[in-house]
Amino acid sequence: AVLADLDAYAEEVRADEREAAQLGATGVPFFVLDRTYGVSG
């Protein structure tokens, strides 16, 4: 049912992607620890 509804969780995915850009992530994997430390790659 989730897959059939193209809007289901779509905004959650887009929100994650916007947040990644705000945090400066240009590639993945990107690890963020307590919103204080980041580990890239």
PDB file of all heavy atoms in Angstrom:
ATOM      1  N   ALA A   1       0.826  -1.205   0.000  1.00  0.00           N
ATOM      2  CA  ALA A   1       0.000   0.000   0.000  1.00  0.00           C
ATOM      3  C   ALA A   1       0.862   1.259   0.000  1.00  0.00           C
ATOM      4  O   ALA A   1       0.526   2.254  -0.658  1.00  0.00           O
ATOM      5  CB  ALA A   1      -0.934  -0.013   1.203  1.00  0.00           C
ATOM      6  N   VAL A   2       1.954   1.244   0.734  1.00  0.00           N
ATOM      7  CA  VAL A   2       2.872   2.382   0.752  1.00  0.00           C
ATOM      8  C   VAL A   2       3.433   2.627  -0.645  1.00  0.00           C
ATOM      9  O   VAL A   2       3.469   3.765  -1.143  1.00  0.00           O
ATOM     10  CB  VAL A   2       4.028   2.150   1.753  1.00  0.00           C
ATOM     11  CG1 VAL A   2       5.133   3.191   1.565  1.00  0.00           C
ATOM     12  CG2 VAL A   2       3.506   2.199   3.185  1.00  0.00           C
ATOM     13  N   LEU A   3       3.862   1.573  -1.307  1.00  0.00           N
ATOM     14  CA  LEU A   3       4.443   1.722  -2.640  1.00  0.00           C
ATOM     15  C   LEU A   3       3.410   2.192  -3.654  1.00  0.00           C
ATOM     16  O   LEU A   3       3.738   2.940  -4.589  1.00  0.00           O
ATOM     17  CB  LEU A   3       5.070   0.400  -3.084  1.00  0.00           C
ATOM     18  CG  LEU A   3       6.309  -0.035  -2.286  1.00  0.00           C
ATOM     19  CD1 LEU A   3       6.714  -1.450  -2.658  1.00  0.00           C
ATOM     20  CD2 LEU A   3       7.469   0.930  -2.531  1.00  0.00           C
ATOM     21  N   ALA A   4       2.173   1.776  -3.479  1.00  0.00           N
ATOM     22  CA  ALA A   4       1.110   2.161  -4.416  1.00  0.00           C
ATOM     23  C   ALA A   4       0.732   3.627  -4.274  1.00  0.00           C
ATOM     24  O   ALA A   4       0.274   4.261  -5.240  1.00  0.00           O
ATOM     25  CB  ALA A   4      -0.115   1.282  -4.209  1.00  0.00           C
ATOM     26  N   ASP A   5       0.902   4.184  -3.079  1.00  0.00           N
ATOM     27  CA  ASP A   5       0.582   5.588  -2.826  1.00  0.00           C
ATOM     28  C   ASP A   5       1.858   6.403  -2.997  1.00  0.00           C
ATOM     29  O   ASP A   5       2.698   6.452  -2.101  1.00  0.00           O
ATOM     30  CB  ASP A   5       0.031   5.745  -1.410  1.00  0.00           C
ATOM     31  CG  ASP A   5      -0.308   7.185  -1.064  1.00  0.00           C
ATOM     32  OD1 ASP A   5      -0.117   8.069  -1.930  1.00  0.00           O
ATOM     33  OD2 ASP A   5      -0.768   7.424   0.069  1.00  0.00           O
ATOM     34  N   LEU A   6       2.004   7.056  -4.133  1.00  0.00           N
ATOM     35  CA  LEU A   6       3.257   7.734  -4.450  1.00  0.00           C
ATOM     36  C   LEU A   6       3.570   8.893  -3.511  1.00  0.00           C
ATOM     37  O   LEU A   6       4.716   9.359  -3.460  1.00  0.00           O
ATOM     38  CB  LEU A   6       3.222   8.240  -5.897  1.00  0.00           C
ATOM     39  CG  LEU A   6       3.041   7.160  -6.975  1.00  0.00           C
ATOM     40  CD1 LEU A   6       3.102   7.785  -8.354  1.00  0.00           C
ATOM     41  CD2 LEU A   6       4.098   6.067  -6.830  1.00  0.00           C
ATOM     42  N   ASP A   7       2.571   9.358  -2.771  1.00  0.00           N
ATOM     43  CA  ASP A   7       2.811  10.443  -1.818  1.00  0.00           C
ATOM     44  C   ASP A   7       3.217   9.944  -0.429  1.00  0.00           C
ATOM     45  O   ASP A   7       3.695  10.732   0.395  1.00  0.00           O
ATOM     46  CB  ASP A   7       1.545  11.303  -1.673  1.00  0.00           C
ATOM     47  CG  ASP A   7       1.242  12.099  -2.933  1.00  0.00           C
ATOM     48  OD1 ASP A   7       2.198  12.470  -3.638  1.00  0.00           O
ATOM     49  OD2 ASP A   7       0.055  12.326  -3.215  1.00  0.00           O
ATOM     50  N   ALA A   8       3.022   8.657  -0.181  1.00  0.00           N
ATOM     51  CA  ALA A   8       3.317   8.113   1.145  1.00  0.00           C
ATOM     52  C   ALA A   8       4.807   8.232   1.466  1.00  0.00           C
ATOM     53  O   ALA A   8       5.647   7.695   0.745  1.00  0.00           O
ATOM     54  CB  ALA A   8       2.875   6.652   1.218  1.00  0.00           C
ATOM     55  N   TYR A   9       5.104   8.968   2.519  1.00  0.00           N
ATOM     56  CA  TYR A   9       6.461   9.172   3.034  1.00  0.00           C
ATOM     57  C   TYR A   9       7.375   9.916   2.060  1.00  0.00           C
ATOM     58  O   TYR A   9       8.584  10.011   2.294  1.00  0.00           O
ATOM     59  CB  TYR A   9       7.111   7.835   3.427  1.00  0.00           C
ATOM     60  CG  TYR A   9       6.329   7.095   4.490  1.00  0.00           C
ATOM     61  CD1 TYR A   9       5.434   6.075   4.132  1.00  0.00           C
ATOM     62  CD2 TYR A   9       6.437   7.431   5.827  1.00  0.00           C
ATOM     63  CE1 TYR A   9       4.681   5.411   5.099  1.00  0.00           C
ATOM     64  CE2 TYR A   9       5.690   6.767   6.800  1.00  0.00           C
ATOM     65  CZ  TYR A   9       4.812   5.767   6.420  1.00  0.00           C
ATOM     66  OH  TYR A   9       4.067   5.116   7.382  1.00  0.00           O
ATOM     67  N   ALA A  10       6.813  10.469   0.999  1.00  0.00           N
ATOM     68  CA  ALA A  10       7.636  11.212   0.051  1.00  0.00           C
ATOM     69  C   ALA A  10       8.219  12.473   0.683  1.00  0.00           C
ATOM     70  O   ALA A  10       9.398  12.801   0.486  1.00  0.00           O
ATOM     71  CB  ALA A  10       6.823  11.565  -1.191  1.00  0.00           C
ATOM     72  N   GLU A  11       7.409  13.182   1.456  1.00  0.00           N
ATOM     73  CA  GLU A  11       7.886  14.410   2.087  1.00  0.00           C
ATOM     74  C   GLU A  11       8.958  14.101   3.131  1.00  0.00           C
ATOM     75  O   GLU A  11       9.906  14.879   3.307  1.00  0.00           O
ATOM     76  CB  GLU A  11       6.729  15.163   2.730  1.00  0.00           C
ATOM     77  CG  GLU A  11       7.155  16.427   3.494  1.00  0.00           C
ATOM     78  CD  GLU A  11       8.007  17.379   2.668  1.00  0.00           C
ATOM     79  OE1 GLU A  11       7.826  17.445   1.427  1.00  0.00           O
ATOM     80  OE2 GLU A  11       8.861  18.066   3.267  1.00  0.00           O
ATOM     81  N   GLU A  12       8.842  12.957   3.810  1.00  0.00           N
ATOM     82  CA  GLU A  12       9.869  12.576   4.789  1.00  0.00           C
ATOM     83  C   GLU A  12      11.219  12.364   4.102  1.00  0.00           C
ATOM     84  O   GLU A  12      12.266  12.752   4.634  1.00  0.00           O
ATOM     85  CB  GLU A  12       9.449  11.303   5.534  1.00  0.00           C
ATOM     86  CG  GLU A  12       8.348  11.518   6.559  1.00  0.00           C
ATOM     87  CD  GLU A  12       6.946  11.510   5.956  1.00  0.00           C
ATOM     88  OE1 GLU A  12       6.814  11.601   4.713  1.00  0.00           O
ATOM     89  OE2 GLU A  12       5.982  11.415   6.726  1.00  0.00           O
ATOM     90  N   VAL A  13      11.186  11.759   2.932  1.00  0.00           N
ATOM     91  CA  VAL A  13      12.427  11.556   2.177  1.00  0.00           C
ATOM     92  C   VAL A  13      13.015  12.902   1.768  1.00  0.00           C
ATOM     93  O   VAL A  13      14.215  13.159   1.946  1.00  0.00           O
ATOM     94  CB  VAL A  13      12.172  10.688   0.934  1.00  0.00           C
ATOM     95  CG1 VAL A  13      13.449  10.569   0.095  1.00  0.00           C
ATOM     96  CG2 VAL A  13      11.680   9.300   1.333  1.00  0.00           C
ATOM     97  N   ARG A  14      12.192  13.774   1.225  1.00  0.00           N
ATOM     98  CA  ARG A  14      12.662  15.083   0.774  1.00  0.00           C
ATOM     99  C   ARG A  14      13.186  15.918   1.953  1.00  0.00           C
ATOM    100  O   ARG A  14      14.173  16.653   1.813  1.00  0.00           O
ATOM    101  CB  ARG A  14      11.537  15.834   0.070  1.00  0.00           C
ATOM    102  CG  ARG A  14      11.027  15.171  -1.199  1.00  0.00           C
ATOM    103  CD  ARG A  14      12.132  14.892  -2.183  1.00  0.00           C
ATOM    104  NE  ARG A  14      11.640  14.339  -3.429  1.00  0.00           N
ATOM    105  CZ  ARG A  14      12.325  13.538  -4.225  1.00  0.00           C
ATOM    106  NH1 ARG A  14      13.567  13.188  -3.879  1.00  0.00           N
ATOM    107  NH2 ARG A  14      11.813  13.089  -5.356  1.00  0.00           N
ATOM    108  N   ALA A  15      12.522  15.799   3.107  1.00  0.00           N
ATOM    109  CA  ALA A  15      12.978  16.540   4.287  1.00  0.00           C
ATOM    110  C   ALA A  15      14.378  16.085   4.703  1.00  0.00           C
ATOM    111  O   ALA A  15      15.237  16.911   5.057  1.00  0.00           O
ATOM    112  CB  ALA A  15      11.995  16.360   5.440  1.00  0.00           C
ATOM    113  N   ASP A  16      14.616  14.787   4.671  1.00  0.00           N
ATOM    114  CA  ASP A  16      15.953  14.262   4.988  1.00  0.00           C
ATOM    115  C   ASP A  16      16.992  14.829   4.021  1.00  0.00           C
ATOM    116  O   ASP A  16      18.103  15.206   4.420  1.00  0.00           O
ATOM    117  CB  ASP A  16      15.964  12.733   4.884  1.00  0.00           C
ATOM    118  CG  ASP A  16      15.464  12.057   6.147  1.00  0.00           C
ATOM    119  OD1 ASP A  16      15.149  12.756   7.120  1.00  0.00           O
ATOM    120  OD2 ASP A  16      15.388  10.812   6.146  1.00  0.00           O
ATOM    121  N   GLU A  17      16.632  14.883   2.755  1.00  0.00           N
ATOM    122  CA  GLU A  17      17.587  15.350   1.751  1.00  0.00           C
ATOM    123  C   GLU A  17      17.870  16.838   1.899  1.00  0.00           C
ATOM    124  O   GLU A  17      19.015  17.290   1.730  1.00  0.00           O
ATOM    125  CB  GLU A  17      17.054  15.013   0.360  1.00  0.00           C
ATOM    126  CG  GLU A  17      17.010  13.513   0.115  1.00  0.00           C
ATOM    127  CD  GLU A  17      16.359  13.109  -1.194  1.00  0.00           C
ATOM    128  OE1 GLU A  17      15.543  13.882  -1.728  1.00  0.00           O
ATOM    129  OE2 GLU A  17      16.671  12.000  -1.675  1.00  0.00           O
ATOM    130  N   ARG A  18      16.850  17.614   2.244  1.00  0.00           N
ATOM    131  CA  ARG A  18      17.075  19.045   2.492  1.00  0.00           C
ATOM    132  C   ARG A  18      17.973  19.237   3.715  1.00  0.00           C
ATOM    133  O   ARG A  18      18.868  20.091   3.721  1.00  0.00           O
ATOM    134  CB  ARG A  18      15.733  19.750   2.713  1.00  0.00           C
ATOM    135  CG  ARG A  18      14.884  19.906   1.460  1.00  0.00           C
ATOM    136  CD  ARG A  18      13.738  20.890   1.691  1.00  0.00           C
ATOM    137  NE  ARG A  18      12.815  20.442   2.716  1.00  0.00           N
ATOM    138  CZ  ARG A  18      11.723  19.717   2.479  1.00  0.00           C
ATOM    139  NH1 ARG A  18      11.427  19.339   1.236  1.00  0.00           N
ATOM    140  NH2 ARG A  18      10.910  19.367   3.465  1.00  0.00           N
ATOM    141  N   GLU A  19      17.737  18.431   4.739  1.00  0.00           N
ATOM    142  CA  GLU A  19      18.532  18.547   5.956  1.00  0.00           C
ATOM    143  C   GLU A  19      19.989  18.173   5.697  1.00  0.00           C
ATOM    144  O   GLU A  19      20.906  18.787   6.242  1.00  0.00           O
ATOM    145  CB  GLU A  19      17.946  17.664   7.052  1.00  0.00           C
ATOM    146  CG  GLU A  19      18.402  18.038   8.434  1.00  0.00           C
ATOM    147  CD  GLU A  19      17.526  17.443   9.520  1.00  0.00           C
ATOM    148  OE1 GLU A  19      16.741  16.507   9.240  1.00  0.00           O
ATOM    149  OE2 GLU A  19      17.632  17.921  10.662  1.00  0.00           O
ATOM    150  N   ALA A  20      20.201  17.174   4.860  1.00  0.00           N
ATOM    151  CA  ALA A  20      21.572  16.795   4.502  1.00  0.00           C
ATOM    152  C   ALA A  20      22.299  17.965   3.856  1.00  0.00           C
ATOM    153  O   ALA A  20      23.464  18.251   4.172  1.00  0.00           O
ATOM    154  CB  ALA A  20      21.552  15.593   3.555  1.00  0.00           C
ATOM    155  N   ALA A  21      21.606  18.662   2.963  1.00  0.00           N
ATOM    156  CA  ALA A  21      22.213  19.820   2.303  1.00  0.00           C
ATOM    157  C   ALA A  21      22.524  20.920   3.306  1.00  0.00           C
ATOM    158  O   ALA A  21      23.592  21.552   3.256  1.00  0.00           O
ATOM    159  CB  ALA A  21      21.273  20.344   1.215  1.00  0.00           C
ATOM    160  N   GLN A  22      21.622  21.140   4.267  1.00  0.00           N
ATOM    161  CA  GLN A  22      21.837  22.160   5.282  1.00  0.00           C
ATOM    162  C   GLN A  22      23.031  21.831   6.173  1.00  0.00           C
ATOM    163  O   GLN A  22      23.741  22.718   6.649  1.00  0.00           O
ATOM    164  CB  GLN A  22      20.580  22.328   6.131  1.00  0.00           C
ATOM    165  CG  GLN A  22      19.401  22.931   5.371  1.00  0.00           C
ATOM    166  CD  GLN A  22      18.080  22.792   6.127  1.00  0.00           C
ATOM    167  OE1 GLN A  22      18.031  22.241   7.229  1.00  0.00           O
ATOM    168  NE2 GLN A  22      17.012  23.285   5.531  1.00  0.00           N
ATOM    169  N   LEU A  23      23.254  20.532   6.397  1.00  0.00           N
ATOM    170  CA  LEU A  23      24.377  20.099   7.236  1.00  0.00           C
ATOM    171  C   LEU A  23      25.692  20.062   6.472  1.00  0.00           C
ATOM    172  O   LEU A  23      26.740  19.807   7.057  1.00  0.00           O
ATOM    173  CB  LEU A  23      24.078  18.714   7.817  1.00  0.00           C
ATOM    174  CG  LEU A  23      22.978  18.647   8.881  1.00  0.00           C
ATOM    175  CD1 LEU A  23      22.612  17.200   9.195  1.00  0.00           C
ATOM    176  CD2 LEU A  23      23.414  19.369  10.156  1.00  0.00           C
ATOM    177  N   GLY A  24      25.617  20.276   5.164  1.00  0.00           N
ATOM    178  CA  GLY A  24      26.834  20.291   4.361  1.00  0.00           C
ATOM    179  C   GLY A  24      27.243  18.949   3.796  1.00  0.00           C
ATOM    180  O   GLY A  24      28.381  18.786   3.343  1.00  0.00           O
ATOM    181  N   ALA A  25      26.329  17.981   3.796  1.00  0.00           N
ATOM    182  CA  ALA A  25      26.654  16.658   3.255  1.00  0.00           C
ATOM    183  C   ALA A  25      26.555  16.694   1.729  1.00  0.00           C
ATOM    184  O   ALA A  25      25.482  16.943   1.181  1.00  0.00           O
ATOM    185  CB  ALA A  25      25.703  15.618   3.814  1.00  0.00           C
ATOM    186  N   THR A  26      27.655  16.459   1.063  1.00  0.00           N
ATOM    187  CA  THR A  26      27.662  16.416  -0.401  1.00  0.00           C
ATOM    188  C   THR A  26      27.786  14.991  -0.924  1.00  0.00           C
ATOM    189  O   THR A  26      27.705  14.751  -2.121  1.00  0.00           O
ATOM    190  CB  THR A  26      28.812  17.265  -0.958  1.00  0.00           C
ATOM    191  OG1 THR A  26      30.060  16.782  -0.412  1.00  0.00           O
ATOM    192  CG2 THR A  26      28.638  18.727  -0.580  1.00  0.00           C
ATOM    193  N   GLY A  27      28.006  14.053  -0.036  1.00  0.00           N
ATOM    194  CA  GLY A  27      28.113  12.653  -0.404  1.00  0.00           C
ATOM    195  C   GLY A  27      27.769  11.781   0.780  1.00  0.00           C
ATOM    196  O   GLY A  27      27.589  12.278   1.905  1.00  0.00           O
ATOM    197  N   VAL A  28      27.672  10.493   0.529  1.00  0.00           N
ATOM    198  CA  VAL A  28      27.322   9.550   1.589  1.00  0.00           C
ATOM    199  C   VAL A  28      28.263   8.350   1.536  1.00  0.00           C
ATOM    200  O   VAL A  28      28.866   8.075   0.501  1.00  0.00           O
ATOM    201  CB  VAL A  28      25.843   9.091   1.449  1.00  0.00           C
ATOM    202  CG1 VAL A  28      24.913  10.191   1.912  1.00  0.00           C
ATOM    203  CG2 VAL A  28      25.479   8.666   0.035  1.00  0.00           C
ATOM    204  N   PRO A  29      28.394   7.636   2.678  1.00  0.00           N
ATOM    205  CA  PRO A  29      27.656   7.803   3.931  1.00  0.00           C
ATOM    206  C   PRO A  29      28.102   9.047   4.693  1.00  0.00           C
ATOM    207  O   PRO A  29      29.250   9.469   4.603  1.00  0.00           O
ATOM    208  CB  PRO A  29      27.988   6.528   4.715  1.00  0.00           C
ATOM    209  CG  PRO A  29      29.365   6.166   4.238  1.00  0.00           C
ATOM    210  CD  PRO A  29      29.364   6.508   2.775  1.00  0.00           C
ATOM    211  N   PHE A  30      27.169   9.604   5.445  1.00  0.00           N
ATOM    212  CA  PHE A  30      27.437  10.788   6.263  1.00  0.00           C
ATOM    213  C   PHE A  30      26.828  10.539   7.636  1.00  0.00           C
ATOM    214  O   PHE A  30      25.624  10.340   7.759  1.00  0.00           O
ATOM    215  CB  PHE A  30      26.828  12.027   5.617  1.00  0.00           C
ATOM    216  CG  PHE A  30      27.225  13.319   6.275  1.00  0.00           C
ATOM    217  CD1 PHE A  30      28.518  13.801   6.182  1.00  0.00           C
ATOM    218  CD2 PHE A  30      26.289  14.066   6.978  1.00  0.00           C
ATOM    219  CE1 PHE A  30      28.885  14.999   6.791  1.00  0.00           C
ATOM    220  CE2 PHE A  30      26.641  15.263   7.583  1.00  0.00           C
ATOM    221  CZ  PHE A  30      27.944  15.734   7.488  1.00  0.00           C
ATOM    222  N   PHE A  31      27.680  10.510   8.652  1.00  0.00           N
ATOM    223  CA  PHE A  31      27.270  10.176  10.011  1.00  0.00           C
ATOM    224  C   PHE A  31      27.263  11.446  10.859  1.00  0.00           C
ATOM    225  O   PHE A  31      28.239  12.203  10.849  1.00  0.00           O
ATOM    226  CB  PHE A  31      28.239   9.168  10.635  1.00  0.00           C
ATOM    227  CG  PHE A  31      28.372   7.869   9.877  1.00  0.00           C
ATOM    228  CD1 PHE A  31      29.138   7.794   8.717  1.00  0.00           C
ATOM    229  CD2 PHE A  31      27.741   6.715  10.328  1.00  0.00           C
ATOM    230  CE1 PHE A  31      29.270   6.599   8.016  1.00  0.00           C
ATOM    231  CE2 PHE A  31      27.872   5.519   9.639  1.00  0.00           C
ATOM    232  CZ  PHE A  31      28.631   5.469   8.476  1.00  0.00           C
ATOM    233  N   VAL A  32      26.183  11.663  11.592  1.00  0.00           N
ATOM    234  CA  VAL A  32      26.083  12.824  12.472  1.00  0.00           C
ATOM    235  C   VAL A  32      25.797  12.326  13.884  1.00  0.00           C
ATOM    236  O   VAL A  32      24.798  11.632  14.118  1.00  0.00           O
ATOM    237  CB  VAL A  32      24.973  13.789  12.007  1.00  0.00           C
ATOM    238  CG1 VAL A  32      24.836  14.951  12.996  1.00  0.00           C
ATOM    239  CG2 VAL A  32      25.278  14.318  10.609  1.00  0.00           C
ATOM    240  N   LEU A  33      26.682  12.680  14.810  1.00  0.00           N
ATOM    241  CA  LEU A  33      26.573  12.215  16.191  1.00  0.00           C
ATOM    242  C   LEU A  33      26.070  13.350  17.068  1.00  0.00           C
ATOM    243  O   LEU A  33      26.756  14.372  17.221  1.00  0.00           O
ATOM    244  CB  LEU A  33      27.926  11.721  16.703  1.00  0.00           C
ATOM    245  CG  LEU A  33      28.474  10.422  16.094  1.00  0.00           C
ATOM    246  CD1 LEU A  33      29.021  10.641  14.691  1.00  0.00           C
ATOM    247  CD2 LEU A  33      29.572   9.833  16.973  1.00  0.00           C
ATOM    248  N   ASP A  34      24.861  13.187  17.603  1.00  0.00           N
ATOM    249  CA  ASP A  34      24.256  14.176  18.498  1.00  0.00           C
ATOM    250  C   ASP A  34      24.263  15.587  17.915  1.00  0.00           C
ATOM    251  O   ASP A  34      24.339  16.560  18.663  1.00  0.00           O
ATOM    252  CB  ASP A  34      24.960  14.166  19.858  1.00  0.00           C
ATOM    253  CG  ASP A  34      24.191  13.331  20.885  1.00  0.00           C
ATOM    254  OD1 ASP A  34      23.117  12.801  20.550  1.00  0.00           O
ATOM    255  OD2 ASP A  34      24.673  13.219  22.032  1.00  0.00           O
ATOM    256  N   ARG A  35      24.188  15.698  16.623  1.00  0.00           N
ATOM    257  CA  ARG A  35      24.193  16.994  15.932  1.00  0.00           C
ATOM    258  C   ARG A  35      25.388  17.856  16.341  1.00  0.00           C
ATOM    259  O   ARG A  35      25.340  19.079  16.247  1.00  0.00           O
ATOM    260  CB  ARG A  35      22.875  17.742  16.173  1.00  0.00           C
ATOM    261  CG  ARG A  35      21.666  17.060  15.513  1.00  0.00           C
ATOM    262  CD  ARG A  35      21.872  17.004  14.003  1.00  0.00           C
ATOM    263  NE  ARG A  35      20.857  16.243  13.317  1.00  0.00           N
ATOM    264  CZ  ARG A  35      19.864  16.798  12.604  1.00  0.00           C
ATOM    265  NH1 ARG A  35      19.763  18.112  12.522  1.00  0.00           N
ATOM    266  NH2 ARG A  35      19.001  16.028  11.978  1.00  0.00           N
ATOM    267  N   THR A  36      26.468  17.184  16.732  1.00  0.00           N
ATOM    268  CA  THR A  36      27.675  17.884  17.163  1.00  0.00           C
ATOM    269  C   THR A  36      28.883  17.502  16.325  1.00  0.00           C
ATOM    270  O   THR A  36      29.696  18.349  15.958  1.00  0.00           O
ATOM    271  CB  THR A  36      27.982  17.581  18.645  1.00  0.00           C
ATOM    272  OG1 THR A  36      26.860  17.959  19.434  1.00  0.00           O
ATOM    273  CG2 THR A  36      29.208  18.342  19.129  1.00  0.00           C
ATOM    274  N   TYR A  37      29.005  16.219  16.013  1.00  0.00           N
ATOM    275  CA  TYR A  37      30.141  15.730  15.241  1.00  0.00           C
ATOM    276  C   TYR A  37      29.656  15.067  13.963  1.00  0.00           C
ATOM    277  O   TYR A  37      28.615  14.395  13.950  1.00  0.00           O
ATOM    278  CB  TYR A  37      30.964  14.720  16.053  1.00  0.00           C
ATOM    279  CG  TYR A  37      31.697  15.334  17.214  1.00  0.00           C
ATOM    280  CD1 TYR A  37      31.144  15.341  18.480  1.00  0.00           C
ATOM    281  CD2 TYR A  37      32.942  15.921  17.035  1.00  0.00           C
ATOM    282  CE1 TYR A  37      31.805  15.918  19.557  1.00  0.00           C
ATOM    283  CE2 TYR A  37      33.610  16.498  18.091  1.00  0.00           C
ATOM    284  CZ  TYR A  37      33.046  16.493  19.349  1.00  0.00           C
ATOM    285  OH  TYR A  37      33.702  17.078  20.399  1.00  0.00           O
ATOM    286  N   GLY A  38      30.416  15.241  12.893  1.00  0.00           N
ATOM    287  CA  GLY A  38      30.101  14.595  11.633  1.00  0.00           C
ATOM    288  C   GLY A  38      31.268  13.741  11.162  1.00  0.00           C
ATOM    289  O   GLY A  38      32.433  14.107  11.357  1.00  0.00           O
ATOM    290  N   VAL A  39      30.950  12.598  10.580  1.00  0.00           N
ATOM    291  CA  VAL A  39      31.962  11.723   9.994  1.00  0.00           C
ATOM    292  C   VAL A  39      31.520  11.446   8.567  1.00  0.00           C
ATOM    293  O   VAL A  39      30.432  10.937   8.328  1.00  0.00           O
ATOM    294  CB  VAL A  39      32.099  10.400  10.769  1.00  0.00           C
ATOM    295  CG1 VAL A  39      33.131   9.499  10.081  1.00  0.00           C
ATOM    296  CG2 VAL A  39      32.487  10.652  12.212  1.00  0.00           C
ATOM    297  N   SER A  40      32.369  11.795   7.619  1.00  0.00           N
ATOM    298  CA  SER A  40      32.030  11.635   6.210  1.00  0.00           C
ATOM    299  C   SER A  40      32.767  10.452   5.613  1.00  0.00           C
ATOM    300  O   SER A  40      33.977  10.300   5.796  1.00  0.00           O
ATOM    301  CB  SER A  40      32.389  12.912   5.436  1.00  0.00           C
ATOM    302  OG  SER A  40      32.054  12.776   4.073  1.00  0.00           O
ATOM    303  N   GLY A  41      32.037   9.581   4.920  1.00  0.00           N
ATOM    304  CA  GLY A  41      32.656   8.464   4.224  1.00  0.00           C
ATOM    305  C   GLY A  41      32.730   7.194   5.044  1.00  0.00           C
ATOM    306  O   GLY A  41      32.431   7.175   6.244  1.00  0.00           O
TER     307      GLY A  41
END
